[in-house]
Protein backbone atom coordinates (compact mmCIF):
# COMPACT_ATOMS: atom_id res chain seq x y z
CA MET A 1 11.25 15.78 -92.08
CA LYS A 2 8.80 12.84 -91.89
CA ASP A 3 6.18 15.61 -90.91
CA PHE A 4 6.55 17.77 -93.89
CA LEU A 5 6.44 14.52 -96.18
CA GLN A 6 3.58 14.25 -94.96
CA LEU A 7 2.11 17.29 -95.27
CA ILE A 8 3.25 17.10 -98.82
CA LYS A 9 0.87 13.92 -99.29
CA ILE A 10 -2.02 15.78 -97.71
CA PHE A 11 -1.64 19.04 -99.82
CA LYS A 12 -1.50 17.07 -103.13
CA LYS A 13 -4.40 15.13 -102.02
CA HIS A 14 -6.41 18.33 -101.46
CA LEU A 15 -4.75 19.84 -104.25
CA LEU A 16 -6.68 17.44 -106.73
CA LYS A 17 -9.77 17.60 -104.60
CA PRO A 18 -9.78 21.37 -103.16
CA ASP A 19 -11.63 21.87 -100.27
CA PRO A 20 -12.32 25.51 -99.74
CA PHE A 21 -11.53 25.60 -95.87
CA LEU A 22 -8.27 23.31 -95.75
CA PHE A 23 -6.64 24.68 -98.69
CA PRO A 24 -5.37 28.00 -97.90
CA ILE A 25 -4.50 26.50 -94.00
CA ILE A 26 -2.29 23.82 -96.06
CA LEU A 27 -0.86 26.14 -98.07
CA VAL A 28 0.22 28.61 -95.02
CA ALA A 29 1.54 25.46 -93.34
CA LEU A 30 3.36 24.60 -96.31
CA LEU A 31 5.33 27.96 -96.77
CA PHE A 32 5.97 27.93 -92.93
CA PHE A 33 7.64 24.81 -93.11
CA LEU A 34 9.57 25.54 -96.43
CA ALA A 35 11.27 28.81 -94.60
CA VAL A 36 12.19 26.61 -91.69
CA PHE A 37 13.71 24.15 -94.03
CA ASP A 38 15.76 26.92 -95.66
CA VAL A 39 16.88 27.94 -92.31
CA TYR A 40 18.21 24.87 -91.20
CA GLN A 41 20.13 24.17 -94.17
CA LYS A 42 21.83 27.40 -94.01
CA GLY A 43 22.46 26.64 -90.23
CA GLU A 44 23.96 23.72 -91.07
CA ILE A 45 26.18 25.38 -93.82
CA ILE A 46 27.36 27.99 -91.00
CA LEU A 47 28.23 25.41 -88.08
CA LYS A 48 30.22 23.29 -90.97
CA SER A 49 32.28 26.20 -91.93
CA THR A 50 32.89 27.20 -88.46
CA LEU A 51 33.98 23.54 -87.21
CA ASN A 52 36.32 23.53 -90.21
CA SER A 53 38.00 26.97 -89.54
CA PRO A 54 41.57 27.04 -89.92
CA ILE A 55 41.99 28.26 -86.52
CA ALA A 56 39.79 26.60 -84.78
CA ASN A 57 41.39 23.66 -82.53
CA TYR A 58 39.05 22.28 -80.14
CA GLN A 59 40.79 18.74 -79.76
CA SER A 60 42.79 19.52 -76.68
CA SER A 61 42.11 16.81 -73.93
CA SER A 62 42.64 19.41 -71.29
CA TYR A 63 40.67 22.29 -70.40
CA PRO A 64 42.33 25.44 -68.75
CA LEU A 65 40.89 27.05 -65.77
CA LEU A 66 41.62 29.71 -63.19
CA LYS A 67 41.62 28.98 -59.53
CA ASN A 68 41.59 32.24 -58.33
CA LYS A 69 39.56 34.99 -60.33
CA PHE A 70 40.50 38.69 -60.02
CA SER A 71 40.62 41.40 -62.14
CA PRO A 72 44.73 42.29 -62.48
CA ASP A 73 45.96 45.76 -62.49
CA ILE A 74 46.66 46.95 -66.25
CA LEU A 75 46.67 49.98 -68.09
CA ALA A 76 46.19 48.56 -71.53
CA GLN A 77 42.32 49.48 -72.52
CA ALA A 78 41.96 46.17 -73.95
CA ALA A 79 43.52 42.76 -73.61
CA ILE A 80 43.23 39.09 -73.54
CA VAL A 81 44.82 35.68 -72.61
CA ILE A 82 44.21 32.47 -74.27
CA ASP A 83 45.22 28.71 -74.20
CA LYS A 84 46.36 27.92 -77.92
CA ASP A 85 45.56 24.31 -77.74
CA SER A 86 42.05 24.75 -76.70
CA GLY A 87 41.53 28.50 -77.96
CA VAL A 88 39.70 29.11 -74.66
CA ALA A 89 40.07 32.55 -73.15
CA ILE A 90 41.60 32.79 -69.86
CA TYR A 91 41.16 36.25 -69.39
CA ALA A 92 39.71 38.87 -71.31
CA LYS A 93 39.41 42.63 -71.30
CA ASN A 94 37.06 44.55 -74.08
CA GLU A 95 38.24 41.71 -76.11
CA ASN A 96 35.67 42.36 -79.10
CA LEU A 97 36.17 46.15 -79.46
CA ARG A 98 38.35 47.28 -82.59
CA PHE A 99 41.44 49.27 -82.52
CA SER A 100 44.57 49.83 -84.69
CA PRO A 101 46.47 46.74 -84.50
CA ALA A 102 49.79 49.03 -85.40
CA SER A 103 53.22 47.15 -86.39
CA THR A 104 51.17 43.94 -85.36
CA THR A 105 49.95 44.09 -88.95
CA LYS A 106 53.14 42.53 -89.73
CA ILE A 107 51.93 39.27 -88.55
CA MET A 108 49.63 39.21 -91.72
CA THR A 109 52.29 40.52 -93.89
CA ALA A 110 54.69 37.84 -93.32
CA LEU A 111 52.36 34.76 -93.47
CA THR A 112 50.65 36.13 -96.62
CA ALA A 113 53.75 36.83 -98.05
CA LEU A 114 55.09 33.21 -97.04
CA ASP A 115 51.86 31.65 -98.86
CA TYR A 116 53.80 33.03 -102.05
CA PHE A 117 57.96 33.79 -102.02
CA LYS A 118 60.24 30.87 -101.25
CA LEU A 119 63.02 32.04 -98.65
CA THR A 120 65.55 32.42 -101.13
CA ASP A 121 63.76 34.59 -103.40
CA ILE A 122 65.35 37.85 -104.21
CA LEU A 123 63.37 41.18 -103.93
CA GLU A 124 64.44 44.35 -104.90
CA VAL A 125 63.64 47.87 -103.13
CA LYS A 126 61.74 49.56 -105.91
CA ARG A 127 60.75 52.77 -103.21
CA ILE A 128 61.86 53.96 -100.15
CA SER A 129 60.08 54.52 -97.23
CA ASN A 130 61.12 56.55 -94.61
CA GLU A 131 57.96 56.70 -92.20
CA GLY A 132 58.60 55.45 -88.62
CA SER A 133 61.23 52.25 -87.70
CA ILE A 134 63.16 51.79 -91.03
CA LEU A 135 65.86 49.92 -91.83
CA GLY A 136 67.04 52.60 -94.33
CA LEU A 137 67.29 50.39 -97.06
CA ILE A 138 68.22 51.98 -100.58
CA ARG A 139 66.25 52.14 -104.12
CA GLY A 140 67.53 49.32 -106.20
CA GLU A 141 68.72 47.47 -103.59
CA LYS A 142 68.41 43.69 -103.40
CA MET A 143 67.97 41.15 -100.67
CA THR A 144 66.52 37.99 -100.18
CA PHE A 145 63.12 37.30 -98.94
CA LEU A 146 64.08 35.66 -95.58
CA ASP A 147 66.44 38.57 -94.59
CA LEU A 148 63.56 41.14 -95.57
CA LEU A 149 61.19 38.74 -93.22
CA TYR A 150 63.82 39.32 -90.15
CA ALA A 151 64.12 43.00 -90.86
CA MET A 152 60.20 43.22 -90.56
CA LEU A 153 59.52 41.08 -87.52
CA LEU A 154 62.70 41.70 -85.65
CA PRO A 155 63.08 45.58 -85.12
CA SER A 156 59.87 46.24 -87.07
CA ALA A 157 61.22 47.96 -90.09
CA ASN A 158 58.49 49.32 -92.36
CA ASP A 159 60.40 49.60 -95.23
CA ALA A 160 61.17 45.94 -95.39
CA ALA A 161 57.41 45.43 -94.74
CA PHE A 162 56.68 47.64 -98.13
CA VAL A 163 59.43 46.15 -100.31
CA ILE A 164 57.80 42.57 -99.63
CA ALA A 165 54.47 44.28 -100.74
CA GLN A 166 55.93 45.78 -103.49
CA ASN A 167 57.78 42.69 -104.82
CA TYR A 168 54.31 40.99 -104.96
CA PRO A 169 52.30 40.25 -108.18
CA GLY A 170 50.38 43.41 -108.68
CA GLU A 171 52.40 45.26 -105.75
CA GLU A 172 50.96 46.82 -102.64
CA LYS A 173 47.26 46.99 -103.93
CA ASN A 174 46.87 43.33 -104.64
CA PHE A 175 49.23 42.54 -101.66
CA ILE A 176 47.03 44.21 -99.23
CA GLU A 177 43.71 42.41 -100.80
CA LYS A 178 45.51 39.03 -100.44
CA MET A 179 45.99 40.11 -96.67
CA ASN A 180 42.58 40.94 -96.16
CA GLN A 181 41.60 37.62 -98.23
CA LYS A 182 43.43 35.40 -95.75
CA ALA A 183 41.56 37.35 -92.85
CA LYS A 184 38.43 36.27 -93.93
CA LEU A 185 39.55 32.99 -94.84
CA LEU A 186 40.57 32.67 -91.24
CA GLY A 187 37.15 33.81 -89.62
CA LEU A 188 38.49 37.13 -88.83
CA ASN A 189 35.70 39.29 -90.00
CA ASN A 190 36.37 42.17 -87.65
CA THR A 191 40.00 42.83 -88.86
CA HIS A 192 40.79 44.91 -91.91
CA PHE A 193 44.13 45.79 -93.56
CA GLN A 194 44.95 48.81 -95.28
CA ASP A 195 48.84 48.73 -95.65
CA PRO A 196 51.77 46.17 -95.36
CA ALA A 197 53.52 48.01 -92.11
CA GLY A 198 50.42 48.91 -90.07
CA LEU A 199 50.87 52.96 -90.53
CA LEU A 200 47.34 53.76 -91.57
CA ASP A 201 45.44 53.59 -88.18
CA GLN A 202 42.46 54.99 -89.31
CA ASP A 203 41.60 52.41 -92.01
CA GLY A 204 43.31 49.25 -90.39
CA TYR A 205 41.77 47.69 -87.44
CA THR A 206 41.42 44.46 -85.18
CA THR A 207 40.33 43.48 -81.98
CA PRO A 208 42.45 41.47 -79.14
CA LEU A 209 40.31 38.02 -80.20
CA GLU A 210 41.15 38.02 -83.49
CA LEU A 211 44.87 39.39 -82.94
CA ALA A 212 45.15 36.37 -80.58
CA ARG A 213 43.43 34.09 -82.93
CA LEU A 214 46.04 35.34 -85.62
CA ALA A 215 48.76 34.86 -83.65
CA SER A 216 48.13 31.43 -82.47
CA TYR A 217 47.60 30.52 -86.32
CA SER A 218 50.67 31.95 -86.92
CA LEU A 219 52.79 29.83 -84.64
CA ASP A 220 52.15 26.80 -86.63
CA ASN A 221 54.39 28.11 -89.58
CA LYS A 222 57.48 27.12 -87.99
CA ILE A 223 59.86 29.60 -90.34
CA PHE A 224 57.71 32.34 -88.50
CA SER A 225 57.96 30.74 -85.65
CA GLN A 226 61.80 30.65 -85.54
CA ILE A 227 62.02 34.10 -86.62
CA VAL A 228 59.97 35.86 -83.81
CA SER A 229 62.12 34.16 -81.40
CA THR A 230 65.08 35.42 -82.44
CA LYS A 231 66.86 38.14 -80.19
CA TYR A 232 69.38 39.42 -83.16
CA ARG A 233 70.53 38.75 -86.45
CA PHE A 234 72.84 40.64 -89.02
CA ILE A 235 71.60 40.40 -92.60
CA SER A 236 73.35 42.00 -95.75
CA ASP A 237 72.06 42.82 -99.31
CA ILE A 238 72.74 40.11 -101.86
CA TYR A 239 76.33 41.19 -102.71
CA ALA A 240 77.24 41.88 -99.04
CA VAL A 241 77.82 45.53 -99.70
CA ASN A 242 75.18 47.04 -96.88
CA THR A 243 75.12 45.18 -93.69
CA TYR A 244 72.37 45.85 -91.02
CA SER A 245 72.21 44.56 -87.44
CA LEU A 246 68.75 43.47 -86.19
CA LEU A 247 67.68 43.66 -82.50
CA ASN A 248 64.13 42.09 -81.79
CA ARG A 249 61.86 45.12 -80.20
CA ASN A 250 60.30 42.63 -77.78
CA LYS A 251 62.07 43.19 -74.34
CA LEU A 252 60.10 40.20 -73.01
CA LEU A 253 61.69 37.57 -75.28
CA GLY A 254 63.48 34.96 -73.18
CA ILE A 255 62.08 35.44 -70.28
CA ASP A 256 60.34 32.99 -68.28
CA GLY A 257 59.04 31.08 -71.51
CA ILE A 258 58.16 33.93 -73.74
CA SER A 259 59.25 33.32 -77.63
CA GLY A 260 57.52 35.97 -79.92
CA ILE A 261 55.72 37.32 -81.38
CA LYS A 262 55.17 41.02 -82.07
CA THR A 263 55.52 44.56 -80.84
CA GLY A 264 53.28 47.64 -82.29
CA PHE A 265 52.89 51.16 -81.90
CA THR A 266 51.45 54.47 -83.38
CA ASP A 267 50.29 57.60 -81.49
CA GLU A 268 46.73 56.39 -82.46
CA ALA A 269 47.02 52.67 -81.73
CA GLY A 270 49.54 53.18 -78.29
CA GLY A 271 51.34 50.25 -77.21
CA VAL A 272 50.49 46.79 -78.64
CA LEU A 273 51.99 43.54 -77.83
CA VAL A 274 51.62 40.19 -79.00
CA THR A 275 53.09 37.63 -76.65
CA SER A 276 53.36 33.71 -76.67
CA LYS A 277 54.59 31.72 -73.56
CA LYS A 278 55.42 28.17 -73.01
CA GLN A 279 54.15 27.22 -69.88
CA ASN A 280 54.16 23.62 -68.18
CA GLY A 281 53.73 21.96 -71.55
CA HIS A 282 51.00 24.63 -73.06
CA THR A 283 51.56 27.75 -75.43
CA LEU A 284 49.63 30.94 -74.06
CA ILE A 285 48.88 33.85 -76.22
CA ILE A 286 48.71 37.31 -74.54
CA VAL A 287 47.65 40.52 -76.43
CA VAL A 288 47.46 43.96 -74.95
CA MET A 289 46.05 46.87 -77.26
CA ARG A 290 46.05 50.68 -76.59
CA SER A 291 48.44 50.27 -73.76
CA GLU A 292 50.61 53.06 -71.93
CA ASP A 293 52.57 50.11 -70.82
CA ARG A 294 52.48 47.11 -72.98
CA PHE A 295 55.38 45.37 -71.37
CA GLY A 296 54.40 45.91 -68.07
CA ASP A 297 50.88 45.08 -68.93
CA THR A 298 52.06 41.61 -70.36
CA LEU A 299 54.09 40.84 -67.22
CA ALA A 300 51.06 41.28 -64.97
CA LEU A 301 48.96 39.16 -67.12
CA MET A 302 51.55 36.66 -66.96
CA SER A 303 51.89 36.61 -63.28
CA TYR A 304 47.88 36.86 -62.88
CA VAL A 305 47.59 33.68 -65.26
CA SER A 306 50.98 31.57 -63.75
CA ASP A 307 49.66 31.72 -60.26
CA SER A 308 46.47 30.43 -60.68
CA LEU A 309 46.10 28.30 -63.82
CA THR A 310 45.18 24.95 -63.81
CA TYR A 311 44.03 22.47 -66.64
CA LEU A 312 40.92 20.14 -66.42
CA SER A 313 41.22 16.89 -67.67
CA ILE A 314 38.50 16.04 -70.63
CA HIS A 315 37.38 13.23 -72.71
CA ARG A 316 37.62 13.96 -76.81
């Protein structure tokens, strides 16, 4: 920076008393330093925005390490295991490739809705949906937002997801726009949502890495974390006329410290599973995508990590 200011003084001096030889050299040098300074400023802005990202958390006093490294035998085309506290990837396979998230889209649907609705808000079924996994909601039926969240996240009811979006100001179009805005806010630049249920495979995508980061962020919401760790629940409309029995689709829930998070499946996406597992005071996030056996792959990754994971103490 001092060299830059000195160059300005020299430039002024020769500008007042032009030297035919030195003037072009000084001018080119000045333009070069201006370009470098501009890049430096932009770099500072990018660095600060990265460090201030709401999903970045590198304040952990321990660093995860695998004592024995080998490739676990999994069928998923892509997968990742991250340590939630440090954000460090412990295992990764095609973690930056884009795949359809299927119903794991509902993680973002829930977080976006939780930013706006109160748990006691009454939402109305404006249009019915019959595609994929549904609860069987009836047009005009009214339910609390909380019950719709359980319906969307446990049995993965698509109609519950659409009802939530329908009751947002501007309905589905504005709700989906808000989902994508939140993705950008969280730094998920390889993620895009096209509907609140995850049915539109052609236009919705994310990567294993970004889905793991989204899942890690979602667990900081106590309401979300409580819901996805629930095995079953009974809900009803506000008049208790229609009742529904909800069973969590995650077959691994409750096994060996597993406390969530979300299943997903379409013909295009294949099997998708986002899992949270508590181990020795740490939380691990496991994501498998386009898998022929999402539960088996997750168990294989859990076994792989559990057998060889250790933590190195570091200074913060």
